[in-house]
Amino acid sequence: MKFFIDTANLEEIKEAHSLGILDGVTTNPSLIAKERIVGDTAFELHIKRICEIVQAPVSAEVVSTAAAEMVSEAQRLARIDQHVVV
């Protein structure tokens, strides 16, 4: 069994990671917005911070709806860190 925390809150992620059982983090646009992260640069930095904490898979979802834009956005997200899963 693997344990993933579904949040974008850094304190919650740190706490879960400190337990030693965290296998990764799932995020989505709603969870990011809940943390008041606005703009591409802030979003990418936040995902990078999560990756630095857990050093494990971190999901990052695209928000584009057109196929070409989705691919471009996914490629950009994948470059944030080796642990990002799009």
PDB file of N, CA and C in Angstrom:
ATOM      1  N   MET A   1       0.849  -1.162   0.000  1.00  0.00           N
ATOM      2  CA  MET A   1       0.000   0.000   0.000  1.00  0.00           C
ATOM      3  C   MET A   1       0.900   1.233   0.000  1.00  0.00           C
ATOM      4  N   LYS A   2       0.470   2.249  -0.716  1.00  0.00           N
ATOM      5  CA  LYS A   2       1.184   3.524  -0.747  1.00  0.00           C
ATOM      6  C   LYS A   2       0.271   4.607  -0.185  1.00  0.00           C
ATOM      7  N   PHE A   3       0.902   5.570   0.508  1.00  0.00           N
ATOM      8  CA  PHE A   3       0.153   6.672   1.097  1.00  0.00           C
ATOM      9  C   PHE A   3       0.527   7.984   0.422  1.00  0.00           C
ATOM     10  N   PHE A   4      -0.484   8.637  -0.151  1.00  0.00           N
ATOM     11  CA  PHE A   4      -0.328   9.944  -0.776  1.00  0.00           C
ATOM     12  C   PHE A   4      -1.219  10.923  -0.033  1.00  0.00           C
ATOM     13  N   ILE A   5      -0.706  12.122   0.197  1.00  0.00           N
ATOM     14  CA  ILE A   5      -1.522  13.159   0.819  1.00  0.00           C
ATOM     15  C   ILE A   5      -2.091  14.029  -0.296  1.00  0.00           C
ATOM     16  N   ASP A   6      -3.344  14.361  -0.200  1.00  0.00           N
ATOM     17  CA  ASP A   6      -4.044  15.146  -1.217  1.00  0.00           C
ATOM     18  C   ASP A   6      -4.195  16.572  -0.707  1.00  0.00           C
ATOM     19  N   THR A   7      -3.161  17.388  -0.944  1.00  0.00           N
ATOM     20  CA  THR A   7      -3.142  18.765  -0.464  1.00  0.00           C
ATOM     21  C   THR A   7      -2.061  19.538  -1.196  1.00  0.00           C
ATOM     22  N   ALA A   8      -2.101  20.842  -1.069  1.00  0.00           N
ATOM     23  CA  ALA A   8      -1.012  21.699  -1.550  1.00  0.00           C
ATOM     24  C   ALA A   8      -0.471  22.529  -0.385  1.00  0.00           C
ATOM     25  N   ASN A   9      -0.926  22.227   0.822  1.00  0.00           N
ATOM     26  CA  ASN A   9      -0.503  22.959   2.006  1.00  0.00           C
ATOM     27  C   ASN A   9       0.852  22.437   2.485  1.00  0.00           C
ATOM     28  N   LEU A  10       1.851  23.301   2.475  1.00  0.00           N
ATOM     29  CA  LEU A  10       3.206  22.883   2.817  1.00  0.00           C
ATOM     30  C   LEU A  10       3.325  22.359   4.238  1.00  0.00           C
ATOM     31  N   GLU A  11       2.633  22.954   5.172  1.00  0.00           N
ATOM     32  CA  GLU A  11       2.705  22.494   6.564  1.00  0.00           C
ATOM     33  C   GLU A  11       2.105  21.098   6.711  1.00  0.00           C
ATOM     34  N   GLU A  12       0.985  20.846   6.049  1.00  0.00           N
ATOM     35  CA  GLU A  12       0.379  19.513   6.092  1.00  0.00           C
ATOM     36  C   GLU A  12       1.312  18.486   5.459  1.00  0.00           C
ATOM     37  N   ILE A  13       1.958  18.865   4.370  1.00  0.00           N
ATOM     38  CA  ILE A  13       2.885  17.961   3.690  1.00  0.00           C
ATOM     39  C   ILE A  13       4.091  17.666   4.578  1.00  0.00           C
ATOM     40  N   LYS A  14       4.641  18.697   5.207  1.00  0.00           N
ATOM     41  CA  LYS A  14       5.781  18.497   6.114  1.00  0.00           C
ATOM     42  C   LYS A  14       5.405  17.565   7.263  1.00  0.00           C
ATOM     43  N   GLU A  15       4.217  17.775   7.822  1.00  0.00           N
ATOM     44  CA  GLU A  15       3.777  16.941   8.939  1.00  0.00           C
ATOM     45  C   GLU A  15       3.625  15.481   8.502  1.00  0.00           C
ATOM     46  N   ALA A  16       2.987  15.262   7.366  1.00  0.00           N
ATOM     47  CA  ALA A  16       2.803  13.893   6.865  1.00  0.00           C
ATOM     48  C   ALA A  16       4.151  13.255   6.538  1.00  0.00           C
ATOM     49  N   HIS A  17       5.039  14.032   5.960  1.00  0.00           N
ATOM     50  CA  HIS A  17       6.364  13.513   5.615  1.00  0.00           C
ATOM     51  C   HIS A  17       7.144  13.116   6.864  1.00  0.00           C
ATOM     52  N   SER A  18       6.977  13.878   7.931  1.00  0.00           N
ATOM     53  CA  SER A  18       7.708  13.597   9.172  1.00  0.00           C
ATOM     54  C   SER A  18       7.303  12.259   9.787  1.00  0.00           C
ATOM     55  N   LEU A  19       6.145  11.745   9.411  1.00  0.00           N
ATOM     56  CA  LEU A  19       5.687  10.452   9.929  1.00  0.00           C
ATOM     57  C   LEU A  19       6.450   9.279   9.321  1.00  0.00           C
ATOM     58  N   GLY A  20       7.116   9.541   8.195  1.00  0.00           N
ATOM     59  CA  GLY A  20       7.919   8.503   7.554  1.00  0.00           C
ATOM     60  C   GLY A  20       7.151   7.508   6.713  1.00  0.00           C
ATOM     61  N   ILE A  21       5.898   7.792   6.420  1.00  0.00           N
ATOM     62  CA  ILE A  21       5.092   6.848   5.642  1.00  0.00           C
ATOM     63  C   ILE A  21       4.559   7.448   4.340  1.00  0.00           C
ATOM     64  N   LEU A  22       4.946   8.670   4.044  1.00  0.00           N
ATOM     65  CA  LEU A  22       4.400   9.372   2.882  1.00  0.00           C
ATOM     66  C   LEU A  22       5.100   8.917   1.607  1.00  0.00           C
ATOM     67  N   ASP A  23       4.307   8.483   0.621  1.00  0.00           N
ATOM     68  CA  ASP A  23       4.857   8.031  -0.656  1.00  0.00           C
ATOM     69  C   ASP A  23       4.723   9.064  -1.757  1.00  0.00           C
ATOM     70  N   GLY A  24       4.018  10.166  -1.507  1.00  0.00           N
ATOM     71  CA  GLY A  24       3.872  11.190  -2.518  1.00  0.00           C
ATOM     72  C   GLY A  24       2.748  12.157  -2.182  1.00  0.00           C
ATOM     73  N   VAL A  25       2.551  13.097  -3.109  1.00  0.00           N
ATOM     74  CA  VAL A  25       1.555  14.157  -2.922  1.00  0.00           C
ATOM     75  C   VAL A  25       0.729  14.281  -4.189  1.00  0.00           C
ATOM     76  N   THR A  26      -0.579  14.371  -4.020  1.00  0.00           N
ATOM     77  CA  THR A  26      -1.455  14.681  -5.142  1.00  0.00           C
ATOM     78  C   THR A  26      -1.988  16.097  -4.947  1.00  0.00           C
ATOM     79  N   THR A  27      -1.936  16.858  -6.009  1.00  0.00           N
ATOM     80  CA  THR A  27      -2.478  18.220  -5.984  1.00  0.00           C
ATOM     81  C   THR A  27      -3.436  18.367  -7.145  1.00  0.00           C
ATOM     82  N   ASN A  28      -4.148  19.450  -7.154  1.00  0.00           N
ATOM     83  CA  ASN A  28      -4.994  19.797  -8.293  1.00  0.00           C
ATOM     84  C   ASN A  28      -5.197  21.312  -8.252  1.00  0.00           C
ATOM     85  N   PRO A  29      -5.740  21.881  -9.313  1.00  0.00           N
ATOM     86  CA  PRO A  29      -5.912  23.340  -9.349  1.00  0.00           C
ATOM     87  C   PRO A  29      -6.720  23.902  -8.182  1.00  0.00           C
ATOM     88  N   SER A  30      -7.715  23.174  -7.707  1.00  0.00           N
ATOM     89  CA  SER A  30      -8.514  23.662  -6.578  1.00  0.00           C
ATOM     90  C   SER A  30      -7.700  23.723  -5.291  1.00  0.00           C
ATOM     91  N   LEU A  31      -6.865  22.713  -5.054  1.00  0.00           N
ATOM     92  CA  LEU A  31      -6.025  22.703  -3.859  1.00  0.00           C
ATOM     93  C   LEU A  31      -4.962  23.795  -3.916  1.00  0.00           C
ATOM     94  N   ILE A  32      -4.440  24.041  -5.094  1.00  0.00           N
ATOM     95  CA  ILE A  32      -3.456  25.114  -5.273  1.00  0.00           C
ATOM     96  C   ILE A  32      -4.119  26.462  -4.994  1.00  0.00           C
ATOM     97  N   ALA A  33      -5.310  26.670  -5.539  1.00  0.00           N
ATOM     98  CA  ALA A  33      -6.032  27.933  -5.330  1.00  0.00           C
ATOM     99  C   ALA A  33      -6.361  28.141  -3.858  1.00  0.00           C
ATOM    100  N   LYS A  34      -6.676  27.066  -3.158  1.00  0.00           N
ATOM    101  CA  LYS A  34      -6.992  27.143  -1.729  1.00  0.00           C
ATOM    102  C   LYS A  34      -5.804  27.704  -0.939  1.00  0.00           C
ATOM    103  N   GLU A  35      -4.594  27.471  -1.437  1.00  0.00           N
ATOM    104  CA  GLU A  35      -3.384  27.989  -0.788  1.00  0.00           C
ATOM    105  C   GLU A  35      -3.023  29.394  -1.274  1.00  0.00           C
ATOM    106  N   ARG A  36      -3.920  29.983  -2.068  1.00  0.00           N
ATOM    107  CA  ARG A  36      -3.739  31.344  -2.595  1.00  0.00           C
ATOM    108  C   ARG A  36      -2.503  31.491  -3.472  1.00  0.00           C
ATOM    109  N   ILE A  37      -2.221  30.433  -4.241  1.00  0.00           N
ATOM    110  CA  ILE A  37      -1.121  30.446  -5.198  1.00  0.00           C
ATOM    111  C   ILE A  37      -1.703  30.957  -6.508  1.00  0.00           C
ATOM    112  N   VAL A  38      -1.161  32.080  -6.997  1.00  0.00           N
ATOM    113  CA  VAL A  38      -1.695  32.702  -8.210  1.00  0.00           C
ATOM    114  C   VAL A  38      -0.563  32.924  -9.201  1.00  0.00           C
ATOM    115  N   GLY A  39      -0.801  32.543 -10.434  1.00  0.00           N
ATOM    116  CA  GLY A  39       0.164  32.767 -11.502  1.00  0.00           C
ATOM    117  C   GLY A  39       1.068  31.569 -11.730  1.00  0.00           C
ATOM    118  N   ASP A  40       1.542  31.451 -12.960  1.00  0.00           N
ATOM    119  CA  ASP A  40       2.368  30.304 -13.351  1.00  0.00           C
ATOM    120  C   ASP A  40       3.656  30.207 -12.551  1.00  0.00           C
ATOM    121  N   THR A  41       4.337  31.325 -12.355  1.00  0.00           N
ATOM    122  CA  THR A  41       5.616  31.303 -11.654  1.00  0.00           C
ATOM    123  C   THR A  41       5.435  30.860 -10.211  1.00  0.00           C
ATOM    124  N   ALA A  42       4.442  31.398  -9.529  1.00  0.00           N
ATOM    125  CA  ALA A  42       4.171  31.021  -8.137  1.00  0.00           C
ATOM    126  C   ALA A  42       3.759  29.551  -8.052  1.00  0.00           C
ATOM    127  N   PHE A  43       2.961  29.100  -9.011  1.00  0.00           N
ATOM    128  CA  PHE A  43       2.530  27.702  -9.047  1.00  0.00           C
ATOM    129  C   PHE A  43       3.739  26.778  -9.192  1.00  0.00           C
ATOM    130  N   GLU A  44       4.603  27.079 -10.148  1.00  0.00           N
ATOM    131  CA  GLU A  44       5.772  26.237 -10.386  1.00  0.00           C
ATOM    132  C   GLU A  44       6.698  26.219  -9.169  1.00  0.00           C
ATOM    133  N   LEU A  45       6.888  27.353  -8.538  1.00  0.00           N
ATOM    134  CA  LEU A  45       7.718  27.422  -7.338  1.00  0.00           C
ATOM    135  C   LEU A  45       7.107  26.591  -6.205  1.00  0.00           C
ATOM    136  N   HIS A  46       5.806  26.640  -6.073  1.00  0.00           N
ATOM    137  CA  HIS A  46       5.126  25.879  -5.025  1.00  0.00           C
ATOM    138  C   HIS A  46       5.294  24.375  -5.260  1.00  0.00           C
ATOM    139  N   ILE A  47       5.116  23.943  -6.491  1.00  0.00           N
ATOM    140  CA  ILE A  47       5.306  22.525  -6.820  1.00  0.00           C
ATOM    141  C   ILE A  47       6.747  22.114  -6.537  1.00  0.00           C
ATOM    142  N   LYS A  48       7.695  22.975  -6.880  1.00  0.00           N
ATOM    143  CA  LYS A  48       9.114  22.702  -6.611  1.00  0.00           C
ATOM    144  C   LYS A  48       9.346  22.540  -5.110  1.00  0.00           C
ATOM    145  N   ARG A  49       8.746  23.394  -4.308  1.00  0.00           N
ATOM    146  CA  ARG A  49       8.895  23.305  -2.848  1.00  0.00           C
ATOM    147  C   ARG A  49       8.333  21.977  -2.321  1.00  0.00           C
ATOM    148  N   ILE A  50       7.200  21.566  -2.855  1.00  0.00           N
ATOM    149  CA  ILE A  50       6.621  20.285  -2.446  1.00  0.00           C
ATOM    150  C   ILE A  50       7.581  19.152  -2.790  1.00  0.00           C
ATOM    151  N   CYS A  51       8.131  19.181  -3.996  1.00  0.00           N
ATOM    152  CA  CYS A  51       9.077  18.143  -4.413  1.00  0.00           C
ATOM    153  C   CYS A  51      10.296  18.109  -3.503  1.00  0.00           C
ATOM    154  N   GLU A  52      10.778  19.264  -3.110  1.00  0.00           N
ATOM    155  CA  GLU A  52      11.950  19.331  -2.228  1.00  0.00           C
ATOM    156  C   GLU A  52      11.651  18.719  -0.863  1.00  0.00           C
ATOM    157  N   ILE A  53      10.426  18.854  -0.408  1.00  0.00           N
ATOM    158  CA  ILE A  53      10.050  18.293   0.888  1.00  0.00           C
ATOM    159  C   ILE A  53       9.975  16.771   0.819  1.00  0.00           C
ATOM    160  N   VAL A  54       9.258  16.245  -0.160  1.00  0.00           N
ATOM    161  CA  VAL A  54       8.953  14.818  -0.162  1.00  0.00           C
ATOM    162  C   VAL A  54       9.928  13.960  -0.964  1.00  0.00           C
ATOM    163  N   GLN A  55      10.583  14.523  -1.965  1.00  0.00           N
ATOM    164  CA  GLN A  55      11.473  13.730  -2.816  1.00  0.00           C
ATOM    165  C   GLN A  55      10.804  12.427  -3.251  1.00  0.00           C
ATOM    166  N   ALA A  56       9.557  12.568  -3.692  1.00  0.00           N
ATOM    167  CA  ALA A  56       8.727  11.449  -4.117  1.00  0.00           C
ATOM    168  C   ALA A  56       7.738  11.989  -5.148  1.00  0.00           C
ATOM    169  N   PRO A  57       6.936  11.128  -5.777  1.00  0.00           N
ATOM    170  CA  PRO A  57       5.996  11.609  -6.787  1.00  0.00           C
ATOM    171  C   PRO A  57       5.081  12.724  -6.288  1.00  0.00           C
ATOM    172  N   VAL A  58       4.965  13.769  -7.105  1.00  0.00           N
ATOM    173  CA  VAL A  58       4.092  14.905  -6.825  1.00  0.00           C
ATOM    174  C   VAL A  58       3.278  15.157  -8.087  1.00  0.00           C
ATOM    175  N   SER A  59       1.965  15.031  -7.983  1.00  0.00           N
ATOM    176  CA  SER A  59       1.126  15.254  -9.159  1.00  0.00           C
ATOM    177  C   SER A  59       0.917  16.745  -9.383  1.00  0.00           C
ATOM    178  N   ALA A  60       0.917  17.117 -10.645  1.00  0.00           N
ATOM    179  CA  ALA A  60       0.634  18.498 -11.047  1.00  0.00           C
ATOM    180  C   ALA A  60      -0.253  18.418 -12.285  1.00  0.00           C
ATOM    181  N   GLU A  61      -1.440  18.944 -12.189  1.00  0.00           N
ATOM    182  CA  GLU A  61      -2.407  18.853 -13.279  1.00  0.00           C
ATOM    183  C   GLU A  61      -2.365  20.076 -14.181  1.00  0.00           C
ATOM    184  N   VAL A  62      -2.569  19.831 -15.462  1.00  0.00           N
ATOM    185  CA  VAL A  62      -2.685  20.941 -16.407  1.00  0.00           C
ATOM    186  C   VAL A  62      -4.070  21.554 -16.264  1.00  0.00           C
ATOM    187  N   VAL A  63      -4.192  22.816 -16.670  1.00  0.00           N
ATOM    188  CA  VAL A  63      -5.496  23.477 -16.628  1.00  0.00           C
ATOM    189  C   VAL A  63      -6.002  23.821 -18.025  1.00  0.00           C
ATOM    190  N   SER A  64      -5.133  23.694 -19.004  1.00  0.00           N
ATOM    191  CA  SER A  64      -5.536  23.969 -20.388  1.00  0.00           C
ATOM    192  C   SER A  64      -6.566  22.949 -20.835  1.00  0.00           C
ATOM    193  N   THR A  65      -7.361  23.345 -21.842  1.00  0.00           N
ATOM    194  CA  THR A  65      -8.382  22.430 -22.350  1.00  0.00           C
ATOM    195  C   THR A  65      -8.150  22.016 -23.789  1.00  0.00           C
ATOM    196  N   ALA A  66      -7.329  22.736 -24.520  1.00  0.00           N
ATOM    197  CA  ALA A  66      -7.000  22.379 -25.900  1.00  0.00           C
ATOM    198  C   ALA A  66      -5.787  21.446 -25.883  1.00  0.00           C
ATOM    199  N   ALA A  67      -5.815  20.445 -26.729  1.00  0.00           N
ATOM    200  CA  ALA A  67      -4.793  19.400 -26.717  1.00  0.00           C
ATOM    201  C   ALA A  67      -3.367  19.947 -26.824  1.00  0.00           C
ATOM    202  N   ALA A  68      -3.105  20.813 -27.777  1.00  0.00           N
ATOM    203  CA  ALA A  68      -1.749  21.334 -27.966  1.00  0.00           C
ATOM    204  C   ALA A  68      -1.279  22.120 -26.743  1.00  0.00           C
ATOM    205  N   GLU A  69      -2.186  22.892 -26.162  1.00  0.00           N
ATOM    206  CA  GLU A  69      -1.843  23.657 -24.958  1.00  0.00           C
ATOM    207  C   GLU A  69      -1.615  22.723 -23.767  1.00  0.00           C
ATOM    208  N   MET A  70      -2.397  21.657 -23.686  1.00  0.00           N
ATOM    209  CA  MET A  70      -2.223  20.686 -22.610  1.00  0.00           C
ATOM    210  C   MET A  70      -0.841  20.044 -22.677  1.00  0.00           C
ATOM    211  N   VAL A  71      -0.422  19.673 -23.871  1.00  0.00           N
ATOM    212  CA  VAL A  71       0.890  19.049 -24.043  1.00  0.00           C
ATOM    213  C   VAL A  71       1.998  20.026 -23.670  1.00  0.00           C
ATOM    214  N   SER A  72       1.888  21.256 -24.144  1.00  0.00           N
ATOM    215  CA  SER A  72       2.887  22.271 -23.834  1.00  0.00           C
ATOM    216  C   SER A  72       2.966  22.524 -22.330  1.00  0.00           C
ATOM    217  N   GLU A  73       1.816  22.648 -21.703  1.00  0.00           N
ATOM    218  CA  GLU A  73       1.768  22.881 -20.268  1.00  0.00           C
ATOM    219  C   GLU A  73       2.341  21.683 -19.501  1.00  0.00           C
ATOM    220  N   ALA A  74       1.995  20.486 -19.936  1.00  0.00           N
ATOM    221  CA  ALA A  74       2.508  19.274 -19.287  1.00  0.00           C
ATOM    222  C   ALA A  74       4.027  19.200 -19.386  1.00  0.00           C
ATOM    223  N   GLN A  75       4.568  19.558 -20.524  1.00  0.00           N
ATOM    224  CA  GLN A  75       6.022  19.549 -20.692  1.00  0.00           C
ATOM    225  C   GLN A  75       6.677  20.560 -19.748  1.00  0.00           C
ATOM    226  N   ARG A  76       6.073  21.729 -19.629  1.00  0.00           N
ATOM    227  CA  ARG A  76       6.600  22.755 -18.723  1.00  0.00           C
ATOM    228  C   ARG A  76       6.561  22.264 -17.275  1.00  0.00           C
ATOM    229  N   LEU A  77       5.457  21.642 -16.884  1.00  0.00           N
ATOM    230  CA  LEU A  77       5.326  21.134 -15.528  1.00  0.00           C
ATOM    231  C   LEU A  77       6.338  20.024 -15.253  1.00  0.00           C
ATOM    232  N   ALA A  78       6.544  19.150 -16.210  1.00  0.00           N
ATOM    233  CA  ALA A  78       7.476  18.039 -16.027  1.00  0.00           C
ATOM    234  C   ALA A  78       8.908  18.525 -15.824  1.00  0.00           C
ATOM    235  N   ARG A  79       9.231  19.701 -16.334  1.00  0.00           N
ATOM    236  CA  ARG A  79      10.575  20.253 -16.170  1.00  0.00           C
ATOM    237  C   ARG A  79      10.816  20.862 -14.781  1.00  0.00           C
ATOM    238  N   ILE A  80       9.794  21.023 -13.987  1.00  0.00           N
ATOM    239  CA  ILE A  80       9.944  21.628 -12.660  1.00  0.00           C
ATOM    240  C   ILE A  80      10.884  20.792 -11.799  1.00  0.00           C
ATOM    241  N   ASP A  81      10.686  19.484 -11.808  1.00  0.00           N
ATOM    242  CA  ASP A  81      11.473  18.588 -10.952  1.00  0.00           C
ATOM    243  C   ASP A  81      11.285  17.167 -11.458  1.00  0.00           C
ATOM    244  N   GLN A  82      12.255  16.341 -11.199  1.00  0.00           N
ATOM    245  CA  GLN A  82      12.172  14.943 -11.644  1.00  0.00           C
ATOM    246  C   GLN A  82      11.034  14.162 -10.982  1.00  0.00           C
ATOM    247  N   HIS A  83      10.533  14.668  -9.864  1.00  0.00           N
ATOM    248  CA  HIS A  83       9.471  13.971  -9.139  1.00  0.00           C
ATOM    249  C   HIS A  83       8.059  14.351  -9.602  1.00  0.00           C
ATOM    250  N   VAL A  84       7.944  15.334 -10.473  1.00  0.00           N
ATOM    251  CA  VAL A  84       6.616  15.766 -10.933  1.00  0.00           C
ATOM    252  C   VAL A  84       6.016  14.696 -11.847  1.00  0.00           C
ATOM    253  N   VAL A  85       4.768  14.379 -11.562  1.00  0.00           N
ATOM    254  CA  VAL A  85       3.980  13.471 -12.392  1.00  0.00           C
ATOM    255  C   VAL A  85       2.821  14.293 -12.916  1.00  0.00           C
ATOM    256  N   VAL A  86       2.695  14.363 -14.228  1.00  0.00           N
ATOM    257  CA  VAL A  86       1.644  15.163 -14.845  1.00  0.00           C
ATOM    258  C   VAL A  86       0.485  14.278 -15.238  1.00  0.00           C
TER     259      VAL A  86
END
